[in-house]
Amino acid sequence: MYIKQSIYVLSIAALLTGCGGGGSSSVPSETTSSLETSNNTTQDASNNTTQTDPGSSAPAAKLTAIHSGQVKDSATGTGIAGVTVSIGSVTTVTDEQGYYTLPSLEASEDAVVTFEKEGYLEGSRHIQLKASSNENNPSNYLEYSMYTYKYQWDYNSSEEIEGAHIMIDASVSYSDLHGSLYTGTINASLVYFDITTDQGKAAFPGQFQGIDSNGETVQFDTYGLINFEVKDSSGNPLSLAEGETATLRFDKVSSLEKPDTLPLWYYDYEQGVWFEEGYARLQEDGTYKGEISHFGTWSVNRPLEEEAGIYRGRIISEDGSPMDNVRLQAIGTNWVSSDLSTDENGVFEIQVIPGSTFRLTAYDYKNKFGASYNGIIAAIASGDVVDDRI
């Protein structure tokens, strides 16, 4: 295993204020870097549950956290009112400017927050919840962008559907929430994302990993994302009846390799996890087609058999002091990997897709500014740990 003994120091200089949705950051006009020797890998332990005296039989007390943020429309950048925001069983609704607060949460290294509103693709983001000793903890703040459906239409349940990204035979049956067959008008909503675009990567829910058909958690890169939802004439969700299928078509992505088949994955918003279910086959025109047995959010992803690479670094301010609670993202062509926050020494560590170059972005939610390193970081081989000058 190849390990450099130095830690890369990214000095965030000439930062621009403002934040893009979902944690994206502004590009600084100037970014400086230096290399310093350090073996410090101290981790922030503020999220650990407090420990009782070893001789006491009392259970450990759980630390509580508060999460707040703002939900914006991806096209206009304005706040969205009436978005239902949830972490587990704790739920609230955004105000007129899109702001929300979720109190009395359990501190966690990895919590899943979901966003729902009619007309928008359901959102999901993994975040870190640091314990709050006062009314709030700015490091738990999040700005998130939601995306409207690109296609919405009505059709009769006995009609054949053959749109740009979904095909449903006229003989297919639908069922309601109670499992009863439904006939009548159907309201359909569909959104598709080219995952090689910044918009597509920002809209991708959860993390770029999932549970495969063997029950193993694997990293993956992705070739496309489709969400398809259907409702009855009263706005109630409908499903494909048992044994029925629909066909999804994922657009050709010319910049990516084209294996003959790719696994299909669906996203479970409640668990915040992708699950492998079926596969899509390469077509002559470069698109991929695959059959699904239920509606929702689907993607075609290439699971990685090799071990991830590791990128380590350290964030400092212009005056050289370490910056804690800064969120990092490594952004590849068709994947994103995140370190939920730097520790008290500014140190972060990110698993990256091996053999793939990437960009590095940082955002400080405490002070609400961010930056992107204005360069491309060289690919890291599988199993390597690199602390490198960019």
Protein backbone atom coordinates (compact mmCIF):
# COMPACT_ATOMS: atom_id res chain seq x y z
CA MET A 1 0.00 0.00 0.00
CA TYR A 2 1.30 3.42 -0.98
CA ILE A 3 1.05 6.08 1.74
CA LYS A 4 2.60 9.52 1.72
CA GLN A 5 3.50 10.74 5.19
CA SER A 6 2.44 14.34 4.69
CA ILE A 7 -1.03 15.83 4.92
CA TYR A 8 -2.21 18.12 2.16
CA VAL A 9 -3.32 21.50 3.43
CA LEU A 10 -5.97 23.31 1.40
CA SER A 11 -6.04 26.98 2.33
CA ILE A 12 -9.46 28.39 1.45
CA ALA A 13 -8.65 31.86 0.18
CA ALA A 14 -10.76 34.48 -1.61
CA LEU A 15 -13.95 32.63 -0.66
CA LEU A 16 -17.22 33.68 -2.20
CA THR A 17 -20.32 33.92 -0.01
CA GLY A 18 -23.47 31.99 -0.83
CA CYS A 19 -24.20 28.32 -1.22
CA GLY A 20 -25.56 26.21 -4.01
CA GLY A 21 -28.25 23.67 -3.20
CA GLY A 22 -27.37 20.40 -1.57
CA GLY A 23 -23.98 21.56 -0.31
CA SER A 24 -22.43 22.63 -3.61
CA SER A 25 -19.92 25.42 -3.29
CA SER A 26 -18.70 28.51 -5.04
CA VAL A 27 -15.42 28.56 -6.92
CA PRO A 28 -12.86 30.97 -5.44
CA SER A 29 -10.89 33.24 -7.68
CA GLU A 30 -7.72 32.07 -5.95
CA THR A 31 -6.87 28.99 -3.93
CA THR A 32 -3.48 28.37 -2.35
CA SER A 33 -2.01 25.14 -1.07
CA SER A 34 0.94 23.97 0.94
CA LEU A 35 2.33 20.69 2.21
CA GLU A 36 3.04 20.09 5.86
CA THR A 37 4.12 17.02 7.80
CA SER A 38 1.57 15.58 10.19
CA ASN A 39 0.41 12.20 11.44
CA ASN A 40 -2.56 13.59 13.35
CA THR A 41 -5.69 11.54 12.81
CA THR A 42 -7.61 12.70 15.86
CA GLN A 43 -11.36 12.30 15.41
CA ASP A 44 -14.05 14.59 16.77
CA ALA A 45 -15.78 12.63 19.52
CA SER A 46 -18.55 15.15 20.20
CA ASN A 47 -21.15 12.80 18.76
CA ASN A 48 -20.37 9.89 21.07
CA THR A 49 -22.85 9.06 23.79
CA THR A 50 -21.72 10.09 27.24
CA GLN A 51 -20.35 7.27 29.37
CA THR A 52 -21.45 6.51 32.90
CA ASP A 53 -19.11 5.58 35.71
CA PRO A 54 -17.81 2.02 35.14
CA GLY A 55 -19.25 0.99 38.49
CA SER A 56 -22.69 2.40 37.74
CA SER A 57 -25.51 0.32 36.28
CA ALA A 58 -27.25 3.38 34.81
CA PRO A 59 -27.40 3.44 30.98
CA ALA A 60 -25.38 5.98 29.02
CA ALA A 61 -27.26 9.21 28.31
CA LYS A 62 -27.86 10.03 24.66
CA LEU A 63 -26.71 13.40 23.37
CA THR A 64 -29.32 15.49 21.57
CA ALA A 65 -28.95 17.61 18.48
CA ILE A 66 -30.87 20.26 16.54
CA HIS A 67 -30.93 20.35 12.75
CA SER A 68 -32.00 23.38 10.73
CA GLY A 69 -31.73 24.52 7.15
CA GLN A 70 -33.38 25.96 4.08
CA VAL A 71 -34.94 24.24 1.05
CA LYS A 72 -34.64 26.01 -2.30
CA ASP A 73 -35.98 25.56 -5.81
CA SER A 74 -33.08 24.38 -7.99
CA ALA A 75 -34.16 26.57 -10.93
CA THR A 76 -34.93 29.85 -9.16
CA GLY A 77 -32.83 29.61 -6.00
CA THR A 78 -35.77 30.85 -3.91
CA GLY A 79 -36.99 29.15 -0.74
CA ILE A 80 -39.83 26.63 -1.06
CA ALA A 81 -42.68 26.81 1.45
CA GLY A 82 -44.59 23.74 2.61
CA VAL A 83 -41.84 21.14 2.17
CA THR A 84 -42.15 18.24 4.63
CA VAL A 85 -38.73 17.64 6.19
CA SER A 86 -38.08 14.52 8.27
CA ILE A 87 -35.35 12.73 10.17
CA GLY A 88 -36.77 9.44 11.40
CA SER A 89 -40.05 10.15 13.19
CA VAL A 90 -39.26 13.85 13.71
CA THR A 91 -41.03 15.93 11.05
CA THR A 92 -41.65 19.60 10.30
CA VAL A 93 -42.72 21.83 7.39
CA THR A 94 -40.74 24.70 5.84
CA ASP A 95 -41.95 28.28 6.30
CA GLU A 96 -42.62 30.86 3.55
CA GLN A 97 -38.87 31.31 2.93
CA GLY A 98 -38.12 27.59 2.97
CA TYR A 99 -36.52 27.53 6.44
CA TYR A 100 -37.07 24.70 8.92
CA THR A 101 -35.85 23.39 12.28
CA LEU A 102 -35.93 19.84 13.65
CA PRO A 103 -35.35 19.79 17.44
CA SER A 104 -34.71 17.01 19.95
CA LEU A 105 -32.81 14.71 17.59
CA GLU A 106 -30.33 12.07 18.64
CA ALA A 107 -26.75 13.03 17.79
CA SER A 108 -25.47 10.82 14.98
CA GLU A 109 -22.50 10.38 12.67
CA ASP A 110 -24.85 9.54 9.80
CA ALA A 111 -28.50 10.63 9.80
CA VAL A 112 -30.86 10.68 6.80
CA VAL A 113 -32.97 13.78 6.18
CA THR A 114 -35.77 13.60 3.58
CA PHE A 115 -37.66 16.35 1.73
CA GLU A 116 -41.13 15.95 0.17
CA LYS A 117 -43.43 18.32 -1.72
CA GLU A 118 -45.96 17.78 -4.48
CA GLY A 119 -44.47 18.54 -7.90
CA TYR A 120 -40.87 17.97 -6.79
CA LEU A 121 -38.57 14.97 -6.82
CA GLU A 122 -38.37 13.63 -3.28
CA GLY A 123 -35.00 14.53 -1.75
CA SER A 124 -32.69 12.67 0.60
CA ARG A 125 -29.35 13.60 2.14
CA HIS A 126 -27.00 11.93 4.61
CA ILE A 127 -25.79 14.40 7.23
CA GLN A 128 -23.86 14.43 10.49
CA LEU A 129 -25.72 15.61 13.61
CA LYS A 130 -23.41 17.06 16.21
CA ALA A 131 -24.67 17.42 19.77
CA SER A 132 -26.16 20.84 20.56
CA SER A 133 -25.42 22.34 23.95
CA ASN A 134 -27.53 25.44 23.26
CA GLU A 135 -30.52 26.30 21.09
CA ASN A 136 -28.79 25.35 17.87
CA ASN A 137 -25.60 24.04 16.31
CA PRO A 138 -24.65 25.88 13.11
CA SER A 139 -22.56 22.95 11.90
CA ASN A 140 -25.81 20.96 11.53
CA TYR A 141 -27.22 23.54 9.12
CA LEU A 142 -28.03 22.44 5.55
CA GLU A 143 -29.11 24.15 2.35
CA TYR A 144 -30.86 21.76 -0.03
CA SER A 145 -32.22 22.22 -3.57
CA MET A 146 -35.28 20.37 -4.88
CA TYR A 147 -35.95 19.61 -8.53
CA THR A 148 -39.30 19.83 -10.29
CA TYR A 149 -40.54 16.98 -12.47
CA LYS A 150 -39.58 17.39 -16.12
CA TYR A 151 -42.58 15.46 -17.48
CA GLN A 152 -46.12 15.35 -16.12
CA TRP A 153 -49.14 13.97 -17.96
CA ASP A 154 -52.50 12.25 -17.54
CA TYR A 155 -53.58 9.04 -19.26
CA ASN A 156 -56.18 6.32 -18.99
CA SER A 157 -55.06 3.21 -17.12
CA SER A 158 -55.92 1.05 -20.16
CA GLU A 159 -53.65 3.03 -22.52
CA GLU A 160 -50.14 2.09 -23.57
CA ILE A 161 -47.42 4.46 -22.37
CA GLU A 162 -44.25 4.83 -24.43
CA GLY A 163 -42.50 8.05 -23.44
CA ALA A 164 -38.89 9.07 -23.60
CA HIS A 165 -37.91 7.08 -20.52
CA ILE A 166 -40.69 4.63 -19.64
CA MET A 167 -42.75 2.05 -21.47
CA ILE A 168 -45.92 0.52 -19.96
CA ASP A 169 -48.07 -1.96 -21.87
CA ALA A 170 -51.78 -1.22 -22.23
CA SER A 171 -52.66 -4.52 -20.52
CA VAL A 172 -50.75 -3.68 -17.32
CA SER A 173 -52.83 -3.48 -14.14
CA TYR A 174 -52.43 -0.94 -11.34
CA SER A 175 -53.28 -1.24 -7.65
CA ASP A 176 -54.08 1.30 -4.96
CA LEU A 177 -52.77 1.60 -1.38
CA HIS A 178 -55.08 -1.22 -0.28
CA GLY A 179 -54.01 -3.60 -3.04
CA SER A 180 -57.25 -3.24 -5.02
CA LEU A 181 -57.11 -2.96 -8.80
CA TYR A 182 -57.52 0.57 -10.13
CA THR A 183 -59.05 1.69 -13.42
CA GLY A 184 -59.46 5.28 -14.47
CA THR A 185 -57.34 8.38 -15.00
CA ILE A 186 -53.70 8.23 -13.94
CA ASN A 187 -51.51 11.23 -13.20
CA ALA A 188 -47.85 10.50 -13.95
CA SER A 189 -44.68 12.43 -13.09
CA LEU A 190 -41.20 11.66 -14.37
CA VAL A 191 -37.76 13.21 -13.97
CA TYR A 192 -34.51 12.03 -15.56
CA PHE A 193 -30.97 13.19 -14.79
CA ASP A 194 -27.76 12.87 -16.75
CA ILE A 195 -25.52 11.96 -13.85
CA THR A 196 -22.40 13.38 -15.51
CA THR A 197 -23.79 16.90 -15.02
CA ASP A 198 -23.47 18.87 -11.79
CA GLN A 199 -27.26 19.02 -11.57
CA GLY A 200 -27.53 15.25 -11.92
CA LYS A 201 -24.95 14.55 -9.21
CA ALA A 202 -26.58 17.07 -6.85
CA ALA A 203 -30.00 15.45 -7.34
CA PHE A 204 -28.74 11.92 -6.67
CA PRO A 205 -30.28 10.86 -3.34
CA GLY A 206 -28.31 9.17 -0.58
CA GLN A 207 -24.74 8.06 -1.15
CA PHE A 208 -22.98 6.51 -4.13
CA GLN A 209 -23.11 3.08 -2.56
CA GLY A 210 -25.78 0.48 -1.92
CA ILE A 211 -26.63 -3.06 -0.89
CA ASP A 212 -26.15 -5.54 -3.71
CA SER A 213 -28.07 -8.76 -4.40
CA ASN A 214 -25.72 -10.63 -2.03
CA GLY A 215 -26.53 -8.31 0.86
CA GLU A 216 -23.11 -6.63 0.71
CA THR A 217 -22.59 -2.87 0.82
CA VAL A 218 -20.63 -1.77 -2.26
CA GLN A 219 -19.51 1.51 -3.75
CA PHE A 220 -20.69 2.32 -7.26
CA ASP A 221 -20.56 4.93 -9.97
CA THR A 222 -23.75 5.67 -11.84
CA TYR A 223 -25.02 5.94 -15.41
CA GLY A 224 -28.36 7.64 -14.84
CA LEU A 225 -31.26 8.39 -12.52
CA ILE A 226 -35.01 8.17 -13.20
CA ASN A 227 -37.91 8.83 -10.85
CA PHE A 228 -41.40 7.81 -11.95
CA GLU A 229 -44.52 8.23 -9.80
CA VAL A 230 -48.19 7.59 -10.59
CA LYS A 231 -51.32 8.70 -8.73
CA ASP A 232 -55.05 8.24 -9.13
CA SER A 233 -57.47 11.05 -9.98
CA SER A 234 -57.62 12.00 -6.28
CA GLY A 235 -53.86 12.26 -5.88
CA ASN A 236 -53.34 8.94 -4.06
CA PRO A 237 -50.25 6.86 -4.96
CA LEU A 238 -50.67 3.88 -7.28
CA SER A 239 -48.46 0.86 -7.81
CA LEU A 240 -47.99 -1.76 -10.47
CA ALA A 241 -50.17 -4.74 -9.60
CA GLU A 242 -48.38 -7.88 -8.43
CA GLY A 243 -46.53 -9.58 -11.27
CA GLU A 244 -46.66 -6.54 -13.58
CA THR A 245 -43.63 -4.69 -14.94
CA ALA A 246 -42.69 -1.46 -16.69
CA THR A 247 -39.58 -0.71 -18.76
CA LEU A 248 -37.24 2.18 -18.04
CA ARG A 249 -34.87 3.61 -20.63
CA PHE A 250 -31.73 5.40 -19.50
CA ASP A 251 -30.15 7.80 -21.98
CA LYS A 252 -26.82 7.18 -23.67
CA VAL A 253 -23.86 8.75 -21.85
CA SER A 254 -21.11 8.97 -24.47
CA SER A 255 -18.33 9.80 -21.98
CA LEU A 256 -18.75 6.54 -20.02
CA GLU A 257 -17.85 2.93 -20.74
CA LYS A 258 -20.68 0.74 -21.99
CA PRO A 259 -20.82 -2.72 -20.41
CA ASP A 260 -23.43 -5.07 -21.89
CA THR A 261 -25.47 -5.02 -18.68
CA LEU A 262 -25.67 -2.81 -15.61
CA PRO A 263 -27.49 -3.56 -12.34
CA LEU A 264 -30.68 -1.64 -11.58
CA TRP A 265 -30.98 -0.07 -8.13
CA TYR A 266 -33.95 1.50 -6.34
CA TYR A 267 -33.73 4.01 -3.51
CA ASP A 268 -35.47 3.38 -0.17
CA TYR A 269 -36.08 6.89 1.20
CA GLU A 270 -37.06 5.67 4.65
CA GLN A 271 -33.77 3.83 5.14
CA GLY A 272 -31.70 6.16 2.97
CA VAL A 273 -30.20 3.17 1.11
CA TRP A 274 -29.92 1.98 -2.50
CA PHE A 275 -30.83 -1.67 -3.16
CA GLU A 276 -29.91 -3.73 -6.23
CA GLU A 277 -32.93 -5.16 -8.02
CA GLY A 278 -32.65 -6.48 -11.57
CA TYR A 279 -30.54 -5.21 -14.42
CA ALA A 280 -30.59 -3.06 -17.57
CA ARG A 281 -29.25 -4.16 -20.94
CA LEU A 282 -27.26 -2.06 -23.43
CA GLN A 283 -29.19 -1.23 -26.64
CA GLU A 284 -27.77 -0.64 -30.13
CA ASP A 285 -28.29 3.12 -29.78
CA GLY A 286 -26.22 3.22 -26.57
CA THR A 287 -29.17 3.51 -24.18
CA TYR A 288 -29.94 1.04 -21.38
CA LYS A 289 -33.32 -0.64 -20.83
CA GLY A 290 -34.47 -2.56 -17.79
CA GLU A 291 -37.72 -3.84 -16.30
CA ILE A 292 -38.99 -2.69 -12.90
CA SER A 293 -41.76 -4.14 -10.73
CA HIS A 294 -42.58 -0.97 -8.80
CA PHE A 295 -42.39 2.78 -9.27
CA GLY A 296 -40.06 5.15 -7.42
CA THR A 297 -36.47 6.34 -7.85
CA TRP A 298 -34.22 4.09 -9.93
CA SER A 299 -30.67 4.26 -11.23
CA VAL A 300 -28.27 2.13 -13.28
CA ASN A 301 -25.01 1.76 -11.38
CA ARG A 302 -21.72 -0.06 -11.86
CA PRO A 303 -20.71 -1.69 -8.57
CA LEU A 304 -17.02 -1.59 -7.74
CA GLU A 305 -15.33 -4.90 -7.04
CA GLU A 306 -12.02 -3.31 -6.08
CA GLU A 307 -11.24 -1.53 -2.81
CA ALA A 308 -11.76 2.23 -2.69
CA GLY A 309 -8.93 4.73 -2.70
CA ILE A 310 -8.46 7.08 0.26
CA TYR A 311 -7.83 10.81 -0.01
CA ARG A 312 -6.73 12.64 3.14
CA GLY A 313 -6.27 16.34 3.66
CA ARG A 314 -6.55 19.24 6.04
CA ILE A 315 -8.51 22.48 5.76
CA ILE A 316 -7.01 25.68 7.15
CA SER A 317 -8.08 29.32 7.03
CA GLU A 318 -6.01 32.10 5.49
CA ASP A 319 -4.36 32.77 8.82
CA GLY A 320 -3.26 29.13 9.06
CA SER A 321 -5.66 28.00 11.79
CA PRO A 322 -7.48 24.66 11.32
CA MET A 323 -11.13 24.77 10.27
CA ASP A 324 -13.43 22.27 11.94
CA ASN A 325 -16.95 21.28 10.87
CA VAL A 326 -16.21 21.93 7.18
CA ARG A 327 -17.97 19.50 4.86
CA LEU A 328 -15.94 18.03 2.02
CA GLN A 329 -16.97 16.48 -1.27
CA ALA A 330 -14.90 14.63 -3.84
CA ILE A 331 -16.77 14.96 -7.14
CA GLY A 332 -15.96 12.60 -10.01
CA THR A 333 -17.44 12.28 -13.48
CA ASN A 334 -20.40 10.18 -12.32
CA TRP A 335 -20.04 9.92 -8.53
CA VAL A 336 -19.73 12.00 -5.37
CA SER A 337 -18.14 10.98 -2.07
CA SER A 338 -18.42 13.03 1.12
CA ASP A 339 -16.66 13.43 4.43
CA LEU A 340 -19.39 14.77 6.69
CA SER A 341 -17.12 17.26 8.47
CA THR A 342 -13.51 18.01 9.31
CA ASP A 343 -12.40 17.34 12.88
CA GLU A 344 -11.06 19.94 15.34
CA ASN A 345 -7.69 19.82 13.54
CA GLY A 346 -9.25 20.43 10.13
CA VAL A 347 -8.51 16.86 9.04
CA PHE A 348 -10.76 14.93 6.65
CA GLU A 349 -10.64 11.56 4.91
CA ILE A 350 -12.71 10.60 1.88
CA GLN A 351 -13.15 7.27 0.12
CA VAL A 352 -12.92 7.84 -3.63
CA ILE A 353 -13.66 5.76 -6.71
CA PRO A 354 -10.31 4.20 -7.70
CA GLY A 355 -8.85 5.15 -11.06
CA SER A 356 -11.06 8.24 -11.41
CA THR A 357 -9.98 11.87 -11.26
CA PHE A 358 -12.06 14.22 -9.12
CA ARG A 359 -12.64 17.77 -7.90
CA LEU A 360 -12.60 18.82 -4.26
CA THR A 361 -15.14 21.22 -2.75
CA ALA A 362 -15.56 22.48 0.81
CA TYR A 363 -18.36 24.27 2.61
CA ASP A 364 -18.47 25.81 6.08
CA TYR A 365 -22.11 25.81 7.22
CA LYS A 366 -21.20 27.56 10.46
CA ASN A 367 -20.07 30.70 8.63
CA LYS A 368 -21.91 29.96 5.37
CA PHE A 369 -19.17 30.15 2.77
CA GLY A 370 -17.52 27.64 0.52
CA ALA A 371 -14.86 27.01 -2.07
CA SER A 372 -13.77 24.60 -4.77
CA TYR A 373 -10.13 23.80 -5.44
CA ASN A 374 -9.44 25.12 -8.94
CA GLY A 375 -7.81 21.97 -10.23
CA ILE A 376 -8.34 18.28 -10.90
CA ILE A 377 -7.00 15.74 -8.41
CA ALA A 378 -5.21 12.78 -9.94
CA ALA A 379 -6.82 9.35 -9.78
CA ILE A 380 -5.98 7.19 -6.76
CA ALA A 381 -5.42 3.48 -7.21
CA SER A 382 -7.48 0.89 -5.37
CA GLY A 383 -6.29 0.47 -1.77
CA ASP A 384 -3.93 3.45 -1.88
CA VAL A 385 -4.03 6.19 0.74
CA VAL A 386 -2.83 9.50 -0.68
CA ASP A 387 -2.10 12.83 1.01
CA ASP A 388 -0.96 14.64 -2.09
CA ARG A 389 -0.29 18.15 -3.40
CA ILE A 390 -3.04 18.91 -5.88
